[in-house]
N, C-alpha and C. Protein backbone atom coordinates (compact mmCIF):
# COMPACT_ATOMS: atom_id res chain seq x y z
N UNK A 1 174.69 -26.65 90.64
CA UNK A 1 173.81 -25.60 91.13
C UNK A 1 174.00 -24.34 90.29
N UNK A 2 172.92 -23.60 90.15
CA UNK A 2 172.99 -22.33 89.44
C UNK A 2 173.60 -21.28 90.35
N UNK A 3 174.02 -20.18 89.74
CA UNK A 3 174.66 -19.11 90.49
C UNK A 3 173.78 -18.50 91.55
N UNK A 4 172.48 -18.34 91.25
CA UNK A 4 171.59 -17.72 92.24
C UNK A 4 171.40 -18.61 93.45
N UNK A 5 171.36 -19.92 93.26
CA UNK A 5 171.23 -20.84 94.40
C UNK A 5 172.50 -20.84 95.24
N UNK A 6 173.63 -20.75 94.60
CA UNK A 6 174.90 -20.69 95.33
C UNK A 6 174.94 -19.42 96.18
N UNK A 7 174.54 -18.31 95.59
CA UNK A 7 174.53 -17.04 96.35
C UNK A 7 173.56 -17.12 97.53
N UNK A 8 172.42 -17.78 97.34
CA UNK A 8 171.45 -17.92 98.43
C UNK A 8 172.02 -18.77 99.56
N UNK A 9 172.73 -19.84 99.22
CA UNK A 9 173.34 -20.69 100.24
C UNK A 9 174.41 -19.92 100.99
N UNK A 10 175.19 -19.12 100.29
CA UNK A 10 176.23 -18.32 100.95
C UNK A 10 175.61 -17.28 101.88
N UNK A 11 174.51 -16.64 101.45
CA UNK A 11 173.83 -15.67 102.32
C UNK A 11 173.29 -16.35 103.57
N UNK A 12 172.71 -17.52 103.40
CA UNK A 12 172.16 -18.25 104.54
C UNK A 12 173.26 -18.62 105.53
N UNK A 13 174.39 -19.08 105.03
CA UNK A 13 175.51 -19.42 105.92
C UNK A 13 176.03 -18.19 106.64
N UNK A 14 176.07 -17.06 105.94
CA UNK A 14 176.56 -15.82 106.55
C UNK A 14 175.63 -15.37 107.67
N UNK A 15 174.33 -15.44 107.45
CA UNK A 15 173.36 -15.05 108.47
C UNK A 15 173.43 -16.00 109.66
N UNK A 16 173.45 -17.31 109.41
CA UNK A 16 173.44 -18.29 110.49
C UNK A 16 174.75 -18.33 111.27
N UNK A 17 175.86 -17.85 110.68
CA UNK A 17 177.11 -17.82 111.43
C UNK A 17 177.05 -16.78 112.54
N UNK A 18 176.18 -15.78 112.39
CA UNK A 18 176.07 -14.71 113.37
C UNK A 18 174.90 -14.89 114.33
N UNK A 19 173.97 -15.80 114.00
CA UNK A 19 172.74 -15.94 114.77
C UNK A 19 172.64 -17.35 115.34
N UNK A 20 172.33 -17.43 116.63
CA UNK A 20 172.10 -18.72 117.27
C UNK A 20 171.10 -18.51 118.40
N UNK A 21 170.16 -19.44 118.51
CA UNK A 21 169.15 -19.34 119.55
C UNK A 21 169.61 -20.00 120.84
N UNK A 22 169.31 -19.37 121.96
CA UNK A 22 169.64 -19.92 123.27
C UNK A 22 168.34 -20.15 124.04
N UNK A 23 168.47 -20.68 125.24
CA UNK A 23 167.29 -20.91 126.06
C UNK A 23 166.64 -19.59 126.44
N UNK A 24 167.46 -18.57 126.76
CA UNK A 24 166.92 -17.28 127.15
C UNK A 24 166.38 -16.50 125.96
N UNK A 25 166.99 -16.68 124.78
CA UNK A 25 166.61 -15.93 123.59
C UNK A 25 166.64 -16.86 122.38
N UNK A 26 165.54 -17.59 122.14
CA UNK A 26 165.51 -18.53 121.02
C UNK A 26 165.47 -17.81 119.66
N UNK A 27 165.64 -18.57 118.61
CA UNK A 27 165.73 -18.04 117.25
C UNK A 27 164.37 -18.16 116.56
N UNK A 28 163.90 -17.06 115.97
CA UNK A 28 162.68 -17.06 115.16
C UNK A 28 163.10 -17.22 113.71
N UNK A 29 162.92 -18.42 113.18
CA UNK A 29 163.30 -18.73 111.81
C UNK A 29 162.10 -18.57 110.89
N UNK A 30 162.29 -17.89 109.76
CA UNK A 30 161.21 -17.65 108.80
C UNK A 30 161.61 -18.22 107.45
N UNK A 31 160.68 -18.92 106.83
CA UNK A 31 160.91 -19.47 105.49
C UNK A 31 159.71 -19.15 104.63
N UNK A 32 159.95 -18.56 103.48
CA UNK A 32 158.90 -18.29 102.51
C UNK A 32 159.15 -19.14 101.29
N UNK A 33 158.28 -20.09 101.07
CA UNK A 33 158.36 -20.92 99.88
C UNK A 33 157.51 -20.33 98.78
N UNK A 34 157.34 -21.08 97.71
CA UNK A 34 156.52 -20.60 96.59
C UNK A 34 155.03 -20.64 96.92
N UNK A 35 154.63 -21.55 97.80
CA UNK A 35 153.21 -21.71 98.10
C UNK A 35 152.83 -21.38 99.53
N UNK A 36 153.77 -21.50 100.47
CA UNK A 36 153.43 -21.34 101.88
C UNK A 36 154.51 -20.55 102.62
N UNK A 37 154.14 -20.08 103.82
CA UNK A 37 155.04 -19.32 104.68
C UNK A 37 155.13 -20.05 106.02
N UNK A 38 156.34 -20.21 106.53
CA UNK A 38 156.58 -20.97 107.75
C UNK A 38 157.37 -20.11 108.74
N UNK A 39 157.08 -20.27 110.04
CA UNK A 39 157.84 -19.60 111.10
C UNK A 39 158.00 -20.58 112.26
N UNK A 40 159.21 -20.64 112.81
CA UNK A 40 159.50 -21.52 113.94
C UNK A 40 160.30 -20.75 114.97
N UNK A 41 160.07 -21.06 116.23
CA UNK A 41 160.91 -20.55 117.31
C UNK A 41 161.72 -21.73 117.81
N UNK A 42 163.05 -21.64 117.69
CA UNK A 42 163.94 -22.77 117.92
C UNK A 42 164.95 -22.45 119.00
N UNK A 43 165.15 -23.39 119.91
CA UNK A 43 166.22 -23.31 120.91
C UNK A 43 167.37 -24.17 120.39
N UNK A 44 168.41 -23.51 119.85
CA UNK A 44 169.53 -24.24 119.25
C UNK A 44 170.40 -24.95 120.27
N UNK A 45 170.44 -24.46 121.50
CA UNK A 45 171.28 -25.10 122.50
C UNK A 45 170.75 -26.48 122.87
N UNK A 46 169.42 -26.64 122.87
CA UNK A 46 168.82 -27.94 123.15
C UNK A 46 168.39 -28.68 121.89
N UNK A 47 168.31 -27.95 120.77
CA UNK A 47 167.94 -28.56 119.51
C UNK A 47 166.47 -28.90 119.40
N UNK A 48 165.59 -28.04 119.95
CA UNK A 48 164.16 -28.32 119.89
C UNK A 48 163.40 -27.10 119.35
N UNK A 49 162.25 -27.37 118.77
CA UNK A 49 161.35 -26.33 118.31
C UNK A 49 160.35 -26.04 119.41
N UNK A 50 160.29 -24.79 119.83
CA UNK A 50 159.41 -24.39 120.93
C UNK A 50 158.01 -24.02 120.44
N UNK A 51 157.91 -23.43 119.27
CA UNK A 51 156.61 -23.06 118.70
C UNK A 51 156.76 -22.96 117.19
N UNK A 52 155.69 -23.23 116.49
CA UNK A 52 155.73 -23.10 115.04
C UNK A 52 154.36 -22.67 114.52
N UNK A 53 154.39 -21.99 113.38
CA UNK A 53 153.16 -21.56 112.71
C UNK A 53 153.44 -21.49 111.22
N UNK A 54 152.42 -21.74 110.44
CA UNK A 54 152.55 -21.64 108.99
C UNK A 54 151.16 -21.47 108.39
N UNK A 55 151.14 -21.26 107.10
CA UNK A 55 149.86 -21.18 106.42
C UNK A 55 149.18 -22.54 106.35
N UNK A 56 149.89 -23.59 106.73
CA UNK A 56 149.34 -24.94 106.79
C UNK A 56 148.83 -25.31 108.17
N UNK A 57 148.99 -24.42 109.16
CA UNK A 57 148.53 -24.68 110.52
C UNK A 57 147.02 -24.88 110.54
N UNK A 58 146.53 -25.74 111.42
CA UNK A 58 145.08 -25.96 111.50
C UNK A 58 144.29 -24.68 111.80
N UNK A 59 144.90 -23.73 112.52
CA UNK A 59 144.21 -22.49 112.84
C UNK A 59 143.98 -21.62 111.62
N UNK A 60 144.84 -21.75 110.60
CA UNK A 60 144.76 -20.89 109.43
C UNK A 60 144.32 -21.61 108.16
N UNK A 61 144.39 -22.91 108.15
CA UNK A 61 144.11 -23.65 106.92
C UNK A 61 142.68 -23.41 106.46
N UNK A 62 142.54 -22.98 105.22
CA UNK A 62 141.23 -22.72 104.65
C UNK A 62 140.66 -21.35 104.94
N UNK A 63 141.32 -20.56 105.79
CA UNK A 63 140.81 -19.24 106.15
C UNK A 63 141.43 -18.12 105.32
N UNK A 64 142.53 -18.43 104.62
CA UNK A 64 143.22 -17.41 103.84
C UNK A 64 142.84 -17.53 102.37
N UNK A 65 142.74 -16.39 101.70
CA UNK A 65 142.44 -16.42 100.26
C UNK A 65 143.60 -17.01 99.48
N UNK A 66 144.81 -16.58 99.82
CA UNK A 66 146.01 -17.08 99.18
C UNK A 66 147.07 -17.31 100.25
N UNK A 67 147.87 -18.34 100.09
CA UNK A 67 148.84 -18.71 101.12
C UNK A 67 150.21 -18.08 100.95
N UNK A 68 150.44 -17.32 99.90
CA UNK A 68 151.78 -16.80 99.66
C UNK A 68 151.79 -15.28 99.47
N UNK A 69 150.90 -14.58 100.17
CA UNK A 69 150.83 -13.13 100.05
C UNK A 69 151.35 -12.45 101.32
N UNK A 70 151.47 -11.15 101.26
CA UNK A 70 151.89 -10.37 102.42
C UNK A 70 150.85 -10.48 103.53
N UNK A 71 149.58 -10.53 103.16
CA UNK A 71 148.51 -10.68 104.17
C UNK A 71 148.63 -12.02 104.89
N UNK A 72 148.97 -13.07 104.17
CA UNK A 72 149.17 -14.38 104.80
C UNK A 72 150.36 -14.33 105.75
N UNK A 73 151.41 -13.61 105.36
CA UNK A 73 152.59 -13.48 106.22
C UNK A 73 152.23 -12.73 107.51
N UNK A 74 151.39 -11.71 107.40
CA UNK A 74 150.96 -10.99 108.60
C UNK A 74 150.17 -11.90 109.53
N UNK A 75 149.33 -12.74 108.97
CA UNK A 75 148.53 -13.66 109.78
C UNK A 75 149.42 -14.68 110.48
N UNK A 76 150.43 -15.18 109.78
CA UNK A 76 151.37 -16.13 110.38
C UNK A 76 152.18 -15.43 111.48
N UNK A 77 152.54 -14.17 111.27
CA UNK A 77 153.25 -13.40 112.29
C UNK A 77 152.44 -13.24 113.56
N UNK A 78 151.14 -12.97 113.42
CA UNK A 78 150.26 -12.87 114.59
C UNK A 78 150.17 -14.20 115.32
N UNK A 79 150.05 -15.28 114.55
CA UNK A 79 149.90 -16.60 115.14
C UNK A 79 151.16 -17.03 115.88
N UNK A 80 152.34 -16.79 115.30
CA UNK A 80 153.59 -17.20 115.97
C UNK A 80 153.79 -16.37 117.24
N UNK A 81 153.39 -15.09 117.23
CA UNK A 81 153.51 -14.27 118.44
C UNK A 81 152.56 -14.77 119.52
N UNK A 82 151.37 -15.18 119.13
CA UNK A 82 150.40 -15.72 120.09
C UNK A 82 150.92 -17.01 120.71
N UNK A 83 151.47 -17.91 119.88
CA UNK A 83 152.00 -19.17 120.40
C UNK A 83 153.22 -18.94 121.28
N UNK A 84 154.02 -17.93 120.95
CA UNK A 84 155.20 -17.62 121.76
C UNK A 84 154.80 -17.10 123.13
N UNK A 85 153.80 -16.23 123.19
CA UNK A 85 153.37 -15.72 124.48
C UNK A 85 152.71 -16.82 125.32
N UNK A 86 152.06 -17.78 124.68
CA UNK A 86 151.52 -18.93 125.42
C UNK A 86 152.64 -19.74 126.06
N UNK A 87 153.80 -19.80 125.39
CA UNK A 87 154.96 -20.53 125.92
C UNK A 87 155.87 -19.63 126.74
N UNK A 88 155.42 -18.40 127.05
CA UNK A 88 156.15 -17.44 127.87
C UNK A 88 157.48 -17.05 127.24
N UNK A 89 157.48 -16.82 125.93
CA UNK A 89 158.67 -16.37 125.21
C UNK A 89 158.43 -14.93 124.79
N UNK A 90 159.33 -14.04 125.19
CA UNK A 90 159.21 -12.63 124.83
C UNK A 90 160.35 -12.17 123.93
N UNK A 91 161.58 -12.63 124.23
CA UNK A 91 162.76 -12.21 123.47
C UNK A 91 163.16 -13.29 122.48
N UNK A 92 163.38 -12.90 121.23
CA UNK A 92 163.84 -13.84 120.21
C UNK A 92 164.91 -13.17 119.36
N UNK A 93 165.64 -13.99 118.62
CA UNK A 93 166.60 -13.53 117.62
C UNK A 93 165.98 -13.82 116.27
N UNK A 94 165.92 -12.84 115.37
CA UNK A 94 165.25 -13.01 114.09
C UNK A 94 166.21 -13.59 113.06
N UNK A 95 165.81 -14.69 112.43
CA UNK A 95 166.62 -15.36 111.41
C UNK A 95 165.84 -15.32 110.10
N UNK A 96 166.28 -14.49 109.18
CA UNK A 96 165.59 -14.34 107.90
C UNK A 96 166.12 -15.31 106.86
N UNK A 97 167.06 -16.13 107.22
CA UNK A 97 167.68 -17.12 106.33
C UNK A 97 168.37 -16.41 105.18
N UNK A 98 168.12 -16.81 103.95
CA UNK A 98 168.81 -16.20 102.81
C UNK A 98 167.99 -15.10 102.18
N UNK A 99 166.82 -14.80 102.74
CA UNK A 99 165.93 -13.79 102.16
C UNK A 99 166.28 -12.40 102.67
N UNK A 100 165.98 -11.39 101.85
CA UNK A 100 166.21 -10.02 102.28
C UNK A 100 165.02 -9.56 103.14
N UNK A 101 165.27 -8.56 103.96
CA UNK A 101 164.25 -8.06 104.89
C UNK A 101 163.32 -7.11 104.15
N UNK A 102 162.39 -7.67 103.40
CA UNK A 102 161.40 -6.89 102.68
C UNK A 102 160.21 -7.78 102.35
N UNK A 103 159.11 -7.18 101.99
CA UNK A 103 157.94 -7.94 101.57
C UNK A 103 157.36 -8.81 102.66
N UNK A 104 157.24 -10.11 102.37
CA UNK A 104 156.61 -11.05 103.29
C UNK A 104 157.40 -11.20 104.59
N UNK A 105 158.73 -11.21 104.49
CA UNK A 105 159.59 -11.35 105.68
C UNK A 105 159.37 -10.16 106.61
N UNK A 106 159.37 -8.96 106.05
CA UNK A 106 159.17 -7.75 106.84
C UNK A 106 157.78 -7.71 107.46
N UNK A 107 156.76 -8.10 106.70
CA UNK A 107 155.38 -8.10 107.20
C UNK A 107 155.23 -9.07 108.37
N UNK A 108 155.81 -10.26 108.25
CA UNK A 108 155.75 -11.24 109.33
C UNK A 108 156.45 -10.71 110.57
N UNK A 109 157.63 -10.12 110.39
CA UNK A 109 158.39 -9.60 111.53
C UNK A 109 157.64 -8.47 112.23
N UNK A 110 157.03 -7.57 111.47
CA UNK A 110 156.32 -6.45 112.09
C UNK A 110 155.10 -6.92 112.87
N UNK A 111 154.38 -7.90 112.35
CA UNK A 111 153.22 -8.43 113.07
C UNK A 111 153.64 -9.21 114.31
N UNK A 112 154.78 -9.90 114.25
CA UNK A 112 155.28 -10.61 115.42
C UNK A 112 155.67 -9.61 116.51
N UNK A 113 156.27 -8.49 116.11
CA UNK A 113 156.60 -7.43 117.07
C UNK A 113 155.33 -6.83 117.68
N UNK A 114 154.34 -6.60 116.84
CA UNK A 114 153.07 -6.05 117.32
C UNK A 114 152.37 -7.02 118.27
N UNK A 115 152.61 -8.31 118.08
CA UNK A 115 152.01 -9.33 118.94
C UNK A 115 152.72 -9.53 120.25
N UNK A 116 153.86 -8.85 120.47
CA UNK A 116 154.53 -8.92 121.76
C UNK A 116 155.93 -9.49 121.75
N UNK A 117 156.43 -9.96 120.62
CA UNK A 117 157.81 -10.45 120.56
C UNK A 117 158.78 -9.30 120.43
N UNK A 118 159.94 -9.43 121.05
CA UNK A 118 160.97 -8.40 120.97
C UNK A 118 162.21 -8.99 120.31
N UNK A 119 162.67 -8.31 119.25
CA UNK A 119 163.93 -8.70 118.58
C UNK A 119 164.52 -7.52 117.86
């Protein structure tokens, strides 16, 4: 592995050692790939995904100009907040994985907050 990948794995382990989703407060996991953006709400105590949204979701597929922009991240943030409120989830723990809190990650988080999620 290259040095940058090793550092990313170490950052991810450091973040996940401090964050865990429970039934009362599940974990909002965000992943930004090169082509798409993914968000999941996970209950780690039971090991299940409660809600998920991405640029590949049927609600968004074909409606976005580009799938890897800040605007796409905002749309995914709105969608995950909508799905969370449908499942009666208000409180979550934010898991940014190995990414820094800026750009697409920040845009998704702010739209999820605006949609009614608290973290």
